[in-house]
């Protein structure tokens, strides 16, 4: 019984660890910048994309609204180290 619990906990930890390691890379991809991007490059990419995907410019388009939310989350995470 203990061995099964240990295996399950180990699997969960491995899954969570992989998710945590993969998460920051996707934020860079969302903004279209490299992982070595400077703060200025991140800000510029956010501004460019937020203008393109802003809900006010694309009223009623749910896909664009979701993209804007992704961009905002990515910028928030990357701008707060």
PDB file of N, CA and C in Angstrom:
ATOM      1  N   UNK A   1       0.824  -1.198   0.000  1.00  0.00           N
ATOM      2  CA  UNK A   1       0.000   0.000   0.000  1.00  0.00           C
ATOM      3  C   UNK A   1       0.869   1.265   0.000  1.00  0.00           C
ATOM      4  N   UNK A   2       1.896   1.274   0.848  1.00  0.00           N
ATOM      5  CA  UNK A   2       2.781   2.432   0.916  1.00  0.00           C
ATOM      6  C   UNK A   2       3.519   2.630  -0.404  1.00  0.00           C
ATOM      7  N   UNK A   3       3.868   1.504  -1.026  1.00  0.00           N
ATOM      8  CA  UNK A   3       4.592   1.576  -2.291  1.00  0.00           C
ATOM      9  C   UNK A   3       3.715   2.205  -3.380  1.00  0.00           C
ATOM     10  N   UNK A   4       2.421   1.846  -3.408  1.00  0.00           N
ATOM     11  CA  UNK A   4       1.504   2.420  -4.393  1.00  0.00           C
ATOM     12  C   UNK A   4       1.344   3.923  -4.167  1.00  0.00           C
ATOM     13  N   UNK A   5       1.217   4.309  -2.920  1.00  0.00           N
ATOM     14  CA  UNK A   5       1.073   5.733  -2.597  1.00  0.00           C
ATOM     15  C   UNK A   5       2.328   6.491  -3.009  1.00  0.00           C
ATOM     16  N   UNK A   6       3.472   5.913  -2.748  1.00  0.00           N
ATOM     17  CA  UNK A   6       4.728   6.534  -3.115  1.00  0.00           C
ATOM     18  C   UNK A   6       4.842   6.692  -4.630  1.00  0.00           C
ATOM     19  N   UNK A   7       4.432   5.687  -5.369  1.00  0.00           N
ATOM     20  CA  UNK A   7       4.470   5.749  -6.829  1.00  0.00           C
ATOM     21  C   UNK A   7       3.519   6.826  -7.343  1.00  0.00           C
ATOM     22  N   UNK A   8       2.332   6.898  -6.772  1.00  0.00           N
ATOM     23  CA  UNK A   8       1.350   7.907  -7.190  1.00  0.00           C
ATOM     24  C   UNK A   8       1.870   9.307  -6.889  1.00  0.00           C
ATOM     25  N   UNK A   9       2.389   9.502  -5.689  1.00  0.00           N
ATOM     26  CA  UNK A   9       2.919  10.805  -5.311  1.00  0.00           C
ATOM     27  C   UNK A   9       4.103  11.186  -6.188  1.00  0.00           C
ATOM     28  N   UNK A  10       4.931  10.221  -6.497  1.00  0.00           N
ATOM     29  CA  UNK A  10       6.072  10.476  -7.366  1.00  0.00           C
ATOM     30  C   UNK A  10       5.607  10.892  -8.762  1.00  0.00           C
ATOM     31  N   UNK A  11       4.593  10.226  -9.282  1.00  0.00           N
ATOM     32  CA  UNK A  11       4.052  10.566 -10.606  1.00  0.00           C
ATOM     33  C   UNK A  11       3.463  11.968 -10.612  1.00  0.00           C
ATOM     34  N   UNK A  12       2.736  12.310  -9.560  1.00  0.00           N
ATOM     35  CA  UNK A  12       2.143  13.644  -9.463  1.00  0.00           C
ATOM     36  C   UNK A  12       3.236  14.687  -9.403  1.00  0.00           C
ATOM     37  N   UNK A  13       4.264  14.440  -8.605  1.00  0.00           N
ATOM     38  CA  UNK A  13       5.359  15.400  -8.502  1.00  0.00           C
ATOM     39  C   UNK A  13       6.057  15.595  -9.840  1.00  0.00           C
ATOM     40  N   UNK A  14       6.289  14.504 -10.560  1.00  0.00           N
ATOM     41  CA  UNK A  14       6.948  14.601 -11.855  1.00  0.00           C
ATOM     42  C   UNK A  14       6.093  15.407 -12.823  1.00  0.00           C
ATOM     43  N   UNK A  15       4.778  15.170 -12.809  1.00  0.00           N
ATOM     44  CA  UNK A  15       3.876  15.902 -13.694  1.00  0.00           C
ATOM     45  C   UNK A  15       3.895  17.387 -13.361  1.00  0.00           C
ATOM     46  N   UNK A  16       3.768  17.719 -12.084  1.00  0.00           N
ATOM     47  CA  UNK A  16       3.759  19.124 -11.674  1.00  0.00           C
ATOM     48  C   UNK A  16       5.086  19.795 -11.985  1.00  0.00           C
ATOM     49  N   UNK A  17       6.161  19.101 -11.771  1.00  0.00           N
ATOM     50  CA  UNK A  17       7.480  19.659 -12.045  1.00  0.00           C
ATOM     51  C   UNK A  17       7.636  19.956 -13.534  1.00  0.00           C
ATOM     52  N   UNK A  18       7.168  19.054 -14.385  1.00  0.00           N
ATOM     53  CA  UNK A  18       7.248  19.290 -15.824  1.00  0.00           C
ATOM     54  C   UNK A  18       6.381  20.473 -16.224  1.00  0.00           C
ATOM     55  N   UNK A  19       5.202  20.586 -15.634  1.00  0.00           N
ATOM     56  CA  UNK A  19       4.312  21.695 -15.946  1.00  0.00           C
ATOM     57  C   UNK A  19       4.939  23.017 -15.533  1.00  0.00           C
ATOM     58  N   UNK A  20       5.553  23.056 -14.364  1.00  0.00           N
ATOM     59  CA  UNK A  20       6.155  24.282 -13.884  1.00  0.00           C
ATOM     60  C   UNK A  20       7.353  24.684 -14.733  1.00  0.00           C
ATOM     61  N   UNK A  21       8.112  23.719 -15.182  1.00  0.00           N
ATOM     62  CA  UNK A  21       9.265  24.025 -16.012  1.00  0.00           C
ATOM     63  C   UNK A  21       8.835  24.485 -17.395  1.00  0.00           C
ATOM     64  N   UNK A  22       7.752  23.933 -17.902  1.00  0.00           N
ATOM     65  CA  UNK A  22       7.317  24.264 -19.252  1.00  0.00           C
ATOM     66  C   UNK A  22       6.574  25.598 -19.307  1.00  0.00           C
ATOM     67  N   UNK A  23       5.953  25.983 -18.217  1.00  0.00           N
ATOM     68  CA  UNK A  23       5.108  27.179 -18.213  1.00  0.00           C
ATOM     69  C   UNK A  23       5.832  28.456 -18.654  1.00  0.00           C
ATOM     70  N   UNK A  24       6.997  28.800 -18.102  1.00  0.00           N
ATOM     71  CA  UNK A  24       7.620  30.056 -18.512  1.00  0.00           C
ATOM     72  C   UNK A  24       7.956  30.118 -20.003  1.00  0.00           C
ATOM     73  N   UNK A  25       8.297  29.001 -20.591  1.00  0.00           N
ATOM     74  CA  UNK A  25       8.638  28.996 -21.999  1.00  0.00           C
ATOM     75  C   UNK A  25       7.431  29.371 -22.852  1.00  0.00           C
ATOM     76  N   UNK A  26       6.259  28.927 -22.478  1.00  0.00           N
ATOM     77  CA  UNK A  26       5.074  29.250 -23.262  1.00  0.00           C
ATOM     78  C   UNK A  26       4.744  30.736 -23.170  1.00  0.00           C
ATOM     79  N   UNK A  27       5.063  31.391 -22.063  1.00  0.00           N
ATOM     80  CA  UNK A  27       4.814  32.828 -21.946  1.00  0.00           C
ATOM     81  C   UNK A  27       5.668  33.598 -22.956  1.00  0.00           C
ATOM     82  N   UNK A  28       6.893  33.194 -23.124  1.00  0.00           N
ATOM     83  CA  UNK A  28       7.747  33.832 -24.126  1.00  0.00           C
ATOM     84  C   UNK A  28       7.173  33.612 -25.531  1.00  0.00           C
ATOM     85  N   UNK A  29       6.685  32.407 -25.768  1.00  0.00           N
ATOM     86  CA  UNK A  29       6.110  32.092 -27.080  1.00  0.00           C
ATOM     87  C   UNK A  29       4.854  32.911 -27.347  1.00  0.00           C
ATOM     88  N   UNK A  30       4.039  33.104 -26.314  1.00  0.00           N
ATOM     89  CA  UNK A  30       2.820  33.895 -26.474  1.00  0.00           C
ATOM     90  C   UNK A  30       3.158  35.304 -26.939  1.00  0.00           C
ATOM     91  N   UNK A  31       4.215  35.882 -26.364  1.00  0.00           N
ATOM     92  CA  UNK A  31       4.615  37.231 -26.743  1.00  0.00           C
ATOM     93  C   UNK A  31       5.498  37.259 -27.987  1.00  0.00           C
ATOM     94  N   UNK A  32       5.950  36.097 -28.436  1.00  0.00           N
ATOM     95  CA  UNK A  32       6.770  36.032 -29.634  1.00  0.00           C
ATOM     96  C   UNK A  32       8.182  36.548 -29.440  1.00  0.00           C
ATOM     97  N   UNK A  33       8.724  36.378 -28.243  1.00  0.00           N
ATOM     98  CA  UNK A  33      10.093  36.815 -27.955  1.00  0.00           C
ATOM     99  C   UNK A  33      10.919  35.612 -27.496  1.00  0.00           C
ATOM    100  N   UNK A  34      12.225  35.771 -27.531  1.00  0.00           N
ATOM    101  CA  UNK A  34      13.102  34.690 -27.088  1.00  0.00           C
ATOM    102  C   UNK A  34      13.190  34.696 -25.559  1.00  0.00           C
ATOM    103  N   UNK A  35      13.710  33.609 -25.025  1.00  0.00           N
ATOM    104  CA  UNK A  35      13.860  33.499 -23.570  1.00  0.00           C
ATOM    105  C   UNK A  35      14.925  34.441 -23.039  1.00  0.00           C
ATOM    106  N   UNK A  36      15.733  34.968 -23.904  1.00  0.00           N
ATOM    107  CA  UNK A  36      16.773  35.914 -23.494  1.00  0.00           C
ATOM    108  C   UNK A  36      16.355  37.356 -23.774  1.00  0.00           C
ATOM    109  N   UNK A  37      15.075  37.567 -24.020  1.00  0.00           N
ATOM    110  CA  UNK A  37      14.571  38.905 -24.351  1.00  0.00           C
ATOM    111  C   UNK A  37      14.774  39.861 -23.183  1.00  0.00           C
ATOM    112  N   UNK A  38      15.079  41.099 -23.518  1.00  0.00           N
ATOM    113  CA  UNK A  38      15.241  42.133 -22.498  1.00  0.00           C
ATOM    114  C   UNK A  38      13.862  42.618 -22.055  1.00  0.00           C
ATOM    115  N   UNK A  39      13.847  43.363 -20.952  1.00  0.00           N
ATOM    116  CA  UNK A  39      12.585  43.936 -20.472  1.00  0.00           C
ATOM    117  C   UNK A  39      11.947  44.813 -21.543  1.00  0.00           C
ATOM    118  N   UNK A  40      12.762  45.579 -22.234  1.00  0.00           N
ATOM    119  CA  UNK A  40      12.269  46.473 -23.278  1.00  0.00           C
ATOM    120  C   UNK A  40      11.633  45.672 -24.415  1.00  0.00           C
ATOM    121  N   UNK A  41      12.249  44.559 -24.814  1.00  0.00           N
ATOM    122  CA  UNK A  41      11.695  43.720 -25.880  1.00  0.00           C
ATOM    123  C   UNK A  41      10.360  43.110 -25.464  1.00  0.00           C
ATOM    124  N   UNK A  42      10.266  42.706 -24.209  1.00  0.00           N
ATOM    125  CA  UNK A  42       9.015  42.134 -23.695  1.00  0.00           C
ATOM    126  C   UNK A  42       7.913  43.190 -23.692  1.00  0.00           C
ATOM    127  N   UNK A  43       8.246  44.389 -23.229  1.00  0.00           N
ATOM    128  CA  UNK A  43       7.267  45.477 -23.210  1.00  0.00           C
ATOM    129  C   UNK A  43       6.807  45.819 -24.628  1.00  0.00           C
ATOM    130  N   UNK A  44       7.749  45.928 -25.548  1.00  0.00           N
ATOM    131  CA  UNK A  44       7.407  46.263 -26.936  1.00  0.00           C
ATOM    132  C   UNK A  44       6.519  45.195 -27.573  1.00  0.00           C
ATOM    133  N   UNK A  45       6.843  43.928 -27.319  1.00  0.00           N
ATOM    134  CA  UNK A  45       6.036  42.840 -27.870  1.00  0.00           C
ATOM    135  C   UNK A  45       4.627  42.876 -27.280  1.00  0.00           C
ATOM    136  N   UNK A  46       4.526  43.118 -25.987  1.00  0.00           N
ATOM    137  CA  UNK A  46       3.214  43.210 -25.343  1.00  0.00           C
ATOM    138  C   UNK A  46       2.391  44.348 -25.938  1.00  0.00           C
ATOM    139  N   UNK A  47       2.996  45.499 -26.078  1.00  0.00           N
ATOM    140  CA  UNK A  47       2.270  46.665 -26.611  1.00  0.00           C
ATOM    141  C   UNK A  47       1.775  46.404 -28.034  1.00  0.00           C
ATOM    142  N   UNK A  48       2.630  45.829 -28.851  1.00  0.00           N
ATOM    143  CA  UNK A  48       2.269  45.541 -30.246  1.00  0.00           C
ATOM    144  C   UNK A  48       1.100  44.552 -30.310  1.00  0.00           C
ATOM    145  N   UNK A  49       1.204  43.468 -29.535  1.00  0.00           N
ATOM    146  CA  UNK A  49       0.167  42.440 -29.564  1.00  0.00           C
ATOM    147  C   UNK A  49      -1.121  42.908 -28.895  1.00  0.00           C
ATOM    148  N   UNK A  50      -0.990  43.698 -27.832  1.00  0.00           N
ATOM    149  CA  UNK A  50      -2.198  44.151 -27.152  1.00  0.00           C
ATOM    150  C   UNK A  50      -2.994  45.120 -28.024  1.00  0.00           C
ATOM    151  N   UNK A  51      -2.310  45.902 -28.838  1.00  0.00           N
ATOM    152  CA  UNK A  51      -3.024  46.762 -29.783  1.00  0.00           C
ATOM    153  C   UNK A  51      -3.738  45.934 -30.855  1.00  0.00           C
ATOM    154  N   UNK A  52      -3.045  44.904 -31.327  1.00  0.00           N
ATOM    155  CA  UNK A  52      -3.616  44.057 -32.380  1.00  0.00           C
ATOM    156  C   UNK A  52      -4.821  43.264 -31.889  1.00  0.00           C
ATOM    157  N   UNK A  53      -4.740  42.736 -30.668  1.00  0.00           N
ATOM    158  CA  UNK A  53      -5.781  41.836 -30.159  1.00  0.00           C
ATOM    159  C   UNK A  53      -6.697  42.479 -29.122  1.00  0.00           C
ATOM    160  N   UNK A  54      -6.672  43.772 -28.979  1.00  0.00           N
ATOM    161  CA  UNK A  54      -7.500  44.424 -27.959  1.00  0.00           C
ATOM    162  C   UNK A  54      -8.987  44.191 -28.260  1.00  0.00           C
ATOM    163  N   UNK A  55      -9.768  43.824 -27.234  1.00  0.00           N
ATOM    164  CA  UNK A  55     -11.202  43.543 -27.441  1.00  0.00           C
ATOM    165  C   UNK A  55     -11.985  44.732 -28.010  1.00  0.00           C
ATOM    166  N   UNK A  56     -11.573  45.955 -27.707  1.00  0.00           N
ATOM    167  CA  UNK A  56     -12.283  47.113 -28.243  1.00  0.00           C
ATOM    168  C   UNK A  56     -12.130  47.226 -29.764  1.00  0.00           C
ATOM    169  N   UNK A  57     -11.004  46.767 -30.288  1.00  0.00           N
ATOM    170  CA  UNK A  57     -10.784  46.797 -31.735  1.00  0.00           C
ATOM    171  C   UNK A  57     -11.448  45.620 -32.432  1.00  0.00           C
ATOM    172  N   UNK A  58     -11.735  44.573 -31.672  1.00  0.00           N
ATOM    173  CA  UNK A  58     -12.297  43.344 -32.236  1.00  0.00           C
ATOM    174  C   UNK A  58     -13.560  42.948 -31.474  1.00  0.00           C
ATOM    175  N   UNK A  59     -14.499  43.843 -31.400  1.00  0.00           N
ATOM    176  CA  UNK A  59     -15.718  43.625 -30.617  1.00  0.00           C
ATOM    177  C   UNK A  59     -16.456  42.371 -31.071  1.00  0.00           C
ATOM    178  N   UNK A  60     -16.814  41.557 -30.093  1.00  0.00           N
ATOM    179  CA  UNK A  60     -17.606  40.361 -30.362  1.00  0.00           C
ATOM    180  C   UNK A  60     -16.822  39.132 -30.765  1.00  0.00           C
ATOM    181  N   UNK A  61     -15.533  39.240 -30.952  1.00  0.00           N
ATOM    182  CA  UNK A  61     -14.715  38.105 -31.374  1.00  0.00           C
ATOM    183  C   UNK A  61     -14.111  37.445 -30.133  1.00  0.00           C
ATOM    184  N   UNK A  62     -14.672  36.299 -29.741  1.00  0.00           N
ATOM    185  CA  UNK A  62     -14.249  35.610 -28.518  1.00  0.00           C
ATOM    186  C   UNK A  62     -12.830  35.067 -28.622  1.00  0.00           C
ATOM    187  N   UNK A  63     -12.417  34.625 -29.805  1.00  0.00           N
ATOM    188  CA  UNK A  63     -11.064  34.088 -29.982  1.00  0.00           C
ATOM    189  C   UNK A  63     -10.018  35.177 -29.733  1.00  0.00           C
ATOM    190  N   UNK A  64     -10.293  36.356 -30.253  1.00  0.00           N
ATOM    191  CA  UNK A  64      -9.376  37.478 -30.071  1.00  0.00           C
ATOM    192  C   UNK A  64      -9.344  37.883 -28.597  1.00  0.00           C
ATOM    193  N   UNK A  65     -10.496  37.840 -27.951  1.00  0.00           N
ATOM    194  CA  UNK A  65     -10.569  38.174 -26.523  1.00  0.00           C
ATOM    195  C   UNK A  65      -9.725  37.209 -25.688  1.00  0.00           C
ATOM    196  N   UNK A  66      -9.787  35.915 -26.007  1.00  0.00           N
ATOM    197  CA  UNK A  66      -8.980  34.919 -25.299  1.00  0.00           C
ATOM    198  C   UNK A  66      -7.491  35.141 -25.555  1.00  0.00           C
ATOM    199  N   UNK A  67      -7.146  35.465 -26.781  1.00  0.00           N
ATOM    200  CA  UNK A  67      -5.747  35.743 -27.129  1.00  0.00           C
ATOM    201  C   UNK A  67      -5.242  36.949 -26.343  1.00  0.00           C
ATOM    202  N   UNK A  68      -6.067  37.963 -26.220  1.00  0.00           N
ATOM    203  CA  UNK A  68      -5.694  39.155 -25.457  1.00  0.00           C
ATOM    204  C   UNK A  68      -5.448  38.808 -23.988  1.00  0.00           C
ATOM    205  N   UNK A  69      -6.283  37.931 -23.445  1.00  0.00           N
ATOM    206  CA  UNK A  69      -6.099  37.496 -22.050  1.00  0.00           C
ATOM    207  C   UNK A  69      -4.775  36.745 -21.903  1.00  0.00           C
ATOM    208  N   UNK A  70      -4.463  35.870 -22.856  1.00  0.00           N
ATOM    209  CA  UNK A  70      -3.192  35.134 -22.823  1.00  0.00           C
ATOM    210  C   UNK A  70      -2.005  36.095 -22.864  1.00  0.00           C
ATOM    211  N   UNK A  71      -2.091  37.087 -23.725  1.00  0.00           N
ATOM    212  CA  UNK A  71      -1.017  38.074 -23.857  1.00  0.00           C
ATOM    213  C   UNK A  71      -0.829  38.839 -22.556  1.00  0.00           C
ATOM    214  N   UNK A  72      -1.935  39.228 -21.948  1.00  0.00           N
ATOM    215  CA  UNK A  72      -1.880  39.979 -20.696  1.00  0.00           C
ATOM    216  C   UNK A  72      -1.278  39.142 -19.573  1.00  0.00           C
ATOM    217  N   UNK A  73      -1.668  37.880 -19.482  1.00  0.00           N
ATOM    218  CA  UNK A  73      -1.111  36.994 -18.452  1.00  0.00           C
ATOM    219  C   UNK A  73       0.382  36.794 -18.684  1.00  0.00           C
ATOM    220  N   UNK A  74       0.769  36.540 -19.925  1.00  0.00           N
ATOM    221  CA  UNK A  74       2.185  36.335 -20.243  1.00  0.00           C
ATOM    222  C   UNK A  74       3.009  37.556 -19.857  1.00  0.00           C
ATOM    223  N   UNK A  75       2.523  38.730 -20.201  1.00  0.00           N
ATOM    224  CA  UNK A  75       3.252  39.955 -19.862  1.00  0.00           C
ATOM    225  C   UNK A  75       3.330  40.146 -18.350  1.00  0.00           C
ATOM    226  N   UNK A  76       2.237  39.899 -17.660  1.00  0.00           N
ATOM    227  CA  UNK A  76       2.216  40.047 -16.202  1.00  0.00           C
ATOM    228  C   UNK A  76       3.231  39.129 -15.543  1.00  0.00           C
ATOM    229  N   UNK A  77       3.290  37.896 -15.982  1.00  0.00           N
ATOM    230  CA  UNK A  77       4.226  36.936 -15.401  1.00  0.00           C
ATOM    231  C   UNK A  77       5.675  37.315 -15.721  1.00  0.00           C
ATOM    232  N   UNK A  78       5.950  37.651 -16.972  1.00  0.00           N
ATOM    233  CA  UNK A  78       7.322  37.939 -17.367  1.00  0.00           C
ATOM    234  C   UNK A  78       7.829  39.288 -16.860  1.00  0.00           C
ATOM    235  N   UNK A  79       6.926  40.203 -16.583  1.00  0.00           N
ATOM    236  CA  UNK A  79       7.372  41.510 -16.107  1.00  0.00           C
ATOM    237  C   UNK A  79       7.540  41.558 -14.595  1.00  0.00           C
ATOM    238  N   UNK A  80       7.163  40.492 -13.906  1.00  0.00           N
ATOM    239  CA  UNK A  80       7.338  40.411 -12.456  1.00  0.00           C
ATOM    240  C   UNK A  80       8.215  39.224 -12.098  1.00  0.00           C
ATOM    241  N   UNK A  81       9.542  39.410 -12.180  1.00  0.00           N
ATOM    242  CA  UNK A  81      10.442  38.274 -11.948  1.00  0.00           C
ATOM    243  C   UNK A  81      10.423  37.755 -10.527  1.00  0.00           C
TER     244      UNK A  81
END
